[in-house]
N, C-alpha and C. Protein backbone atom coordinates (compact mmCIF):
# COMPACT_ATOMS: atom_id res chain seq x y z
N UNK A 1 -14.96 23.25 -4.79
CA UNK A 1 -14.59 21.87 -3.57
C UNK A 1 -14.04 20.68 -3.95
N UNK A 2 -13.03 20.60 -3.17
CA UNK A 2 -12.03 19.72 -3.74
C UNK A 2 -12.55 17.41 -2.91
N UNK A 3 -12.13 16.77 -4.14
CA UNK A 3 -12.57 15.60 -4.12
C UNK A 3 -12.11 15.40 -2.42
N UNK A 4 -12.39 13.72 -1.94
CA UNK A 4 -11.71 12.91 -0.91
C UNK A 4 -10.56 12.81 -0.95
N UNK A 5 -9.36 12.96 -0.02
CA UNK A 5 -8.04 13.17 0.33
C UNK A 5 -7.77 11.47 -0.68
N UNK A 6 -6.67 11.51 -1.16
CA UNK A 6 -5.83 10.43 -0.88
C UNK A 6 -5.79 9.14 -0.21
N UNK A 7 -5.91 8.22 -0.01
CA UNK A 7 -5.24 7.79 0.97
C UNK A 7 -3.66 7.60 1.04
N UNK A 8 -2.74 7.54 2.71
CA UNK A 8 -1.63 6.75 1.96
C UNK A 8 -1.54 5.45 3.32
N UNK A 9 -0.92 4.20 2.73
CA UNK A 9 -0.88 3.40 3.83
C UNK A 9 0.22 2.75 3.06
N UNK A 10 1.01 2.27 4.28
CA UNK A 10 2.63 1.71 4.67
C UNK A 10 1.96 -0.12 4.35
N UNK A 11 3.35 -0.64 3.47
CA UNK A 11 2.39 -1.71 3.04
C UNK A 11 4.05 -2.68 3.84
N UNK A 12 3.68 -4.41 4.46
CA UNK A 12 4.27 -4.69 4.63
C UNK A 12 4.53 -6.11 4.35
N UNK A 13 5.19 -6.63 3.13
CA UNK A 13 5.63 -7.51 2.67
C UNK A 13 6.14 -8.96 3.78
N UNK A 14 5.67 -9.93 4.13
CA UNK A 14 6.09 -11.54 4.98
C UNK A 14 6.12 -13.30 4.28
N UNK A 15 7.84 -13.23 4.17
CA UNK A 15 7.52 -14.48 3.37
C UNK A 15 7.26 -14.75 2.06
N UNK A 16 7.50 -13.70 1.40
CA UNK A 16 6.83 -13.48 0.02
C UNK A 16 8.34 -13.88 -0.61
N UNK A 17 9.19 -14.40 -1.42
CA UNK A 17 10.51 -14.25 -2.04
C UNK A 17 10.35 -13.51 -3.12
N UNK A 18 10.86 -11.85 -2.77
CA UNK A 18 10.29 -10.24 -3.97
C UNK A 18 11.98 -10.19 -3.83
N UNK A 19 12.44 -9.17 -4.67
CA UNK A 19 13.74 -8.22 -5.07
C UNK A 19 14.01 -7.41 -3.63
N UNK A 20 15.05 -7.73 -3.04
CA UNK A 20 15.14 -5.61 -2.43
C UNK A 20 14.67 -4.88 -2.09
N UNK A 21 14.36 -4.04 -1.41
CA UNK A 21 13.96 -3.21 -1.96
C UNK A 21 12.14 -3.44 -1.98
N UNK A 22 11.72 -4.74 -1.82
CA UNK A 22 9.76 -4.68 -1.49
C UNK A 22 9.97 -5.05 -0.13
N UNK A 23 10.75 -5.07 0.49
CA UNK A 23 10.12 -5.87 1.40
C UNK A 23 8.83 -5.03 2.22
N UNK A 24 9.35 -3.93 2.58
CA UNK A 24 8.58 -2.16 2.32
C UNK A 24 7.65 -1.68 1.59
N UNK A 25 6.61 -0.99 1.34
CA UNK A 25 5.92 -0.53 0.17
C UNK A 25 5.76 1.11 0.43
N UNK A 26 5.34 2.05 0.65
CA UNK A 26 4.08 2.60 0.54
C UNK A 26 3.11 3.04 -0.80
N UNK A 27 2.11 2.85 -0.44
CA UNK A 27 0.88 2.93 -1.55
C UNK A 27 0.50 4.68 -1.43
N UNK A 28 -0.61 5.24 -2.79
CA UNK A 28 -1.05 6.43 -2.09
C UNK A 28 -2.62 6.44 -2.76
N UNK A 29 -3.86 5.67 -2.12
CA UNK A 29 -4.76 4.57 -2.68
C UNK A 29 -6.23 5.98 -2.96
N UNK A 30 -7.15 5.04 -4.37
CA UNK A 30 -8.47 6.42 -3.61
C UNK A 30 -8.67 6.48 -2.42
N UNK A 31 -10.14 7.56 -2.37
CA UNK A 31 -11.01 7.64 -1.39
C UNK A 31 -11.91 6.41 -0.75
N UNK A 32 -12.12 5.51 0.14
CA UNK A 32 -12.87 4.63 0.35
C UNK A 32 -12.03 3.86 0.19
N UNK A 33 -11.20 3.48 0.51
CA UNK A 33 -10.26 2.82 -0.13
C UNK A 33 -10.89 0.99 0.90
N UNK A 34 -9.89 -0.24 0.23
CA UNK A 34 -10.36 -1.21 1.18
C UNK A 34 -9.20 -1.90 1.58
N UNK A 35 -8.83 -3.20 1.74
CA UNK A 35 -7.88 -4.03 1.61
C UNK A 35 -7.59 -4.41 0.75
N UNK A 36 -8.17 -5.52 -0.24
CA UNK A 36 -9.01 -5.31 -1.25
C UNK A 36 -8.01 -4.52 -2.69
N UNK A 37 -8.15 -3.14 -2.49
CA UNK A 37 -7.42 -1.72 -3.12
C UNK A 37 -5.88 -2.42 -2.90
N UNK A 38 -6.01 -2.15 -2.45
CA UNK A 38 -4.18 -1.98 -1.20
C UNK A 38 -3.74 -3.54 -2.47
N UNK A 39 -4.16 -4.63 -2.41
CA UNK A 39 -3.64 -5.86 -3.54
C UNK A 39 -3.75 -5.37 -4.66
N UNK A 40 -4.72 -5.09 -4.61
CA UNK A 40 -4.97 -4.76 -6.40
C UNK A 40 -3.72 -3.64 -6.89
N UNK A 41 -3.16 -2.70 -5.87
CA UNK A 41 -2.54 -1.59 -6.36
C UNK A 41 -0.76 -2.06 -6.21
N UNK A 42 -1.01 -3.67 -4.81
CA UNK A 42 0.02 -4.40 -5.04
C UNK A 42 0.58 -4.55 -6.51
N UNK A 43 -0.88 -5.70 -7.08
CA UNK A 43 -0.72 -6.51 -7.88
C UNK A 43 0.30 -5.76 -9.37
N UNK A 44 -0.48 -4.13 -9.53
CA UNK A 44 0.01 -2.86 -9.77
C UNK A 44 1.28 -2.98 -9.95
N UNK A 45 2.01 -2.79 -8.45
CA UNK A 45 3.46 -3.07 -8.30
C UNK A 45 4.71 -3.81 -9.13
N UNK A 46 3.91 -4.90 -8.74
CA UNK A 46 4.89 -5.62 -9.11
C UNK A 46 5.12 -5.98 -10.95
N UNK A 47 3.86 -5.71 -11.43
CA UNK A 47 3.37 -5.48 -12.99
C UNK A 47 4.70 -4.74 -12.71
N UNK A 48 4.68 -3.03 -13.02
CA UNK A 48 5.43 -1.98 -12.93
C UNK A 48 6.72 -2.21 -12.71
N UNK A 49 7.22 -3.51 -12.13
CA UNK A 49 8.15 -4.01 -11.65
C UNK A 49 9.00 -5.18 -11.87
N UNK A 50 8.14 -6.18 -12.99
CA UNK A 50 8.32 -6.54 -13.89
C UNK A 50 8.77 -8.54 -12.62
N UNK A 51 8.01 -8.04 -11.32
CA UNK A 51 8.05 -8.93 -10.52
C UNK A 51 6.74 -9.79 -10.45
N UNK A 52 7.46 -11.28 -10.62
CA UNK A 52 6.57 -12.48 -11.01
C UNK A 52 6.64 -12.94 -9.61
N UNK A 53 4.42 -13.26 -9.78
CA UNK A 53 4.55 -13.62 -8.39
C UNK A 53 2.73 -14.16 -8.91
N UNK A 54 2.38 -15.36 -7.89
CA UNK A 54 1.06 -16.16 -8.44
C UNK A 54 0.10 -15.42 -7.88
N UNK A 55 -0.45 -14.47 -8.57
CA UNK A 55 -1.56 -13.70 -7.67
C UNK A 55 -3.02 -14.55 -6.85
N UNK A 56 -3.71 -15.44 -7.46
CA UNK A 56 -3.74 -17.04 -6.13
C UNK A 56 -3.49 -16.85 -4.99
N UNK A 57 -1.47 -17.30 -5.16
CA UNK A 57 -1.74 -16.88 -3.31
C UNK A 57 -1.37 -15.95 -2.67
N UNK A 58 -0.57 -14.57 -3.55
CA UNK A 58 -0.72 -13.71 -3.07
C UNK A 58 -2.57 -12.93 -2.55
N UNK A 59 -3.76 -13.56 -3.60
CA UNK A 59 -5.07 -13.15 -2.60
C UNK A 59 -5.26 -13.92 -1.46
N UNK A 60 -4.27 -14.99 -1.07
CA UNK A 60 -5.93 -15.70 -0.18
C UNK A 60 -3.80 -15.58 1.07
N UNK A 61 -3.03 -14.34 0.76
CA UNK A 61 -2.61 -14.01 1.92
C UNK A 61 -3.80 -14.21 2.88
N UNK A 62 -2.53 -14.37 4.21
CA UNK A 62 -2.97 -13.39 5.78
C UNK A 62 -3.17 -11.66 5.08
N UNK A 63 -4.24 -11.12 5.44
CA UNK A 63 -3.79 -9.77 5.53
C UNK A 63 -3.87 -8.62 7.26
N UNK A 64 -3.90 -8.15 7.56
CA UNK A 64 -3.22 -7.62 9.13
C UNK A 64 -3.31 -6.30 8.75
N UNK A 65 -4.72 -5.28 9.65
CA UNK A 65 -4.09 -3.88 8.72
C UNK A 65 -4.17 -3.18 10.32
N UNK A 66 -3.44 -2.60 10.83
CA UNK A 66 -2.55 -2.30 11.68
C UNK A 66 -2.01 -3.69 13.00
N UNK A 67 -2.53 -4.30 12.75
CA UNK A 67 -2.23 -5.65 13.45
C UNK A 67 -2.81 -5.90 13.96
N UNK A 68 -4.63 -5.76 12.99
CA UNK A 68 -5.08 -7.06 13.50
C UNK A 68 -6.27 -7.56 11.97
N UNK A 69 -5.93 -8.94 11.78
CA UNK A 69 -7.01 -9.74 11.57
C UNK A 69 -7.78 -8.77 10.33
N UNK A 70 -7.48 -8.91 8.86
CA UNK A 70 -8.91 -7.70 8.16
C UNK A 70 -8.37 -9.24 6.47
N UNK A 71 -10.42 -8.40 6.81
CA UNK A 71 -10.69 -9.35 5.07
C UNK A 71 -10.54 -8.47 3.77
N UNK A 72 -10.86 -8.84 2.67
CA UNK A 72 -10.58 -8.05 1.68
C UNK A 72 -12.03 -6.55 1.18
N UNK A 73 -12.79 -6.62 2.30
CA UNK A 73 -13.24 -5.46 1.97
C UNK A 73 -12.93 -4.73 3.00
N UNK A 74 -12.86 -4.69 4.02
CA UNK A 74 -13.01 -4.29 4.72
C UNK A 74 -11.83 -2.53 4.71
N UNK A 75 -12.86 -2.07 5.01
CA UNK A 75 -11.57 0.04 5.20
C UNK A 75 -9.96 0.02 5.63
N UNK A 76 -9.70 0.91 4.62
CA UNK A 76 -8.27 1.35 4.76
C UNK A 76 -8.17 2.77 5.27
N UNK A 77 -7.07 3.28 6.30
CA UNK A 77 -7.29 4.56 6.30
C UNK A 77 -6.38 5.14 6.02
N UNK A 78 -5.83 6.80 6.15
CA UNK A 78 -4.41 7.34 6.00
C UNK A 78 -3.80 6.66 7.42
N UNK A 79 -2.38 6.13 6.64
CA UNK A 79 -1.77 5.90 7.67
C UNK A 79 -1.40 4.71 8.23
N UNK A 80 -2.42 3.99 7.98
CA UNK A 80 -3.06 2.63 8.51
C UNK A 80 -1.62 1.67 7.52
N UNK A 81 -1.46 0.48 8.24
CA UNK A 81 0.64 -0.44 7.68
C UNK A 81 -0.42 -1.52 7.20
N UNK A 82 -0.08 -2.28 6.21
CA UNK A 82 -0.93 -3.48 6.39
C UNK A 82 0.31 -4.50 5.99
N UNK A 83 -0.58 -4.85 6.58
CA UNK A 83 1.12 -6.36 6.34
C UNK A 83 -0.47 -7.48 5.81
N UNK A 84 1.13 -7.62 4.96
CA UNK A 84 0.37 -9.10 4.22
C UNK A 84 1.49 -10.10 4.10
N UNK A 85 0.47 -10.70 4.73
CA UNK A 85 1.50 -12.36 4.87
C UNK A 85 1.53 -13.97 4.65
N UNK A 86 2.13 -14.42 3.11
CA UNK A 86 2.18 -15.24 2.00
C UNK A 86 1.76 -17.01 2.92
N UNK A 87 0.31 -17.01 2.49
CA UNK A 87 0.60 -18.47 3.45
C UNK A 87 0.84 -19.98 3.24
N UNK A 88 1.33 -19.91 4.61
CA UNK A 88 2.97 -21.00 4.73
C UNK A 88 2.11 -22.60 4.11
N UNK A 89 3.35 -23.46 3.83
CA UNK A 89 2.67 -24.21 3.65
C UNK A 89 3.46 -25.63 4.90
N UNK A 90 2.99 -26.28 5.43
CA UNK A 90 3.33 -26.96 6.74
C UNK A 90 2.88 -28.59 6.42
N UNK A 91 4.23 -30.12 7.27
CA UNK A 91 4.11 -30.93 6.65
C UNK A 91 4.80 -31.17 7.82
């Protein structure tokens, strides 16, 4: 018997000052994954690539899964697209 399959999601970053090639990413994460797991994986990837980002700002970003507003505890499924939109300053 095998374990539950990995969940593969596509991630799109909006309004973050990231190096070229970071506009889109793809991650495989464990079964029963949540939005928060995706955020954790993104932060780990930033660390692996030595990309500096404000973790608090990243964790307060607006997150949408397949175009719908999402919360950190919401589940993600195989094939989902997760959009992470940087908090905006107003004036």
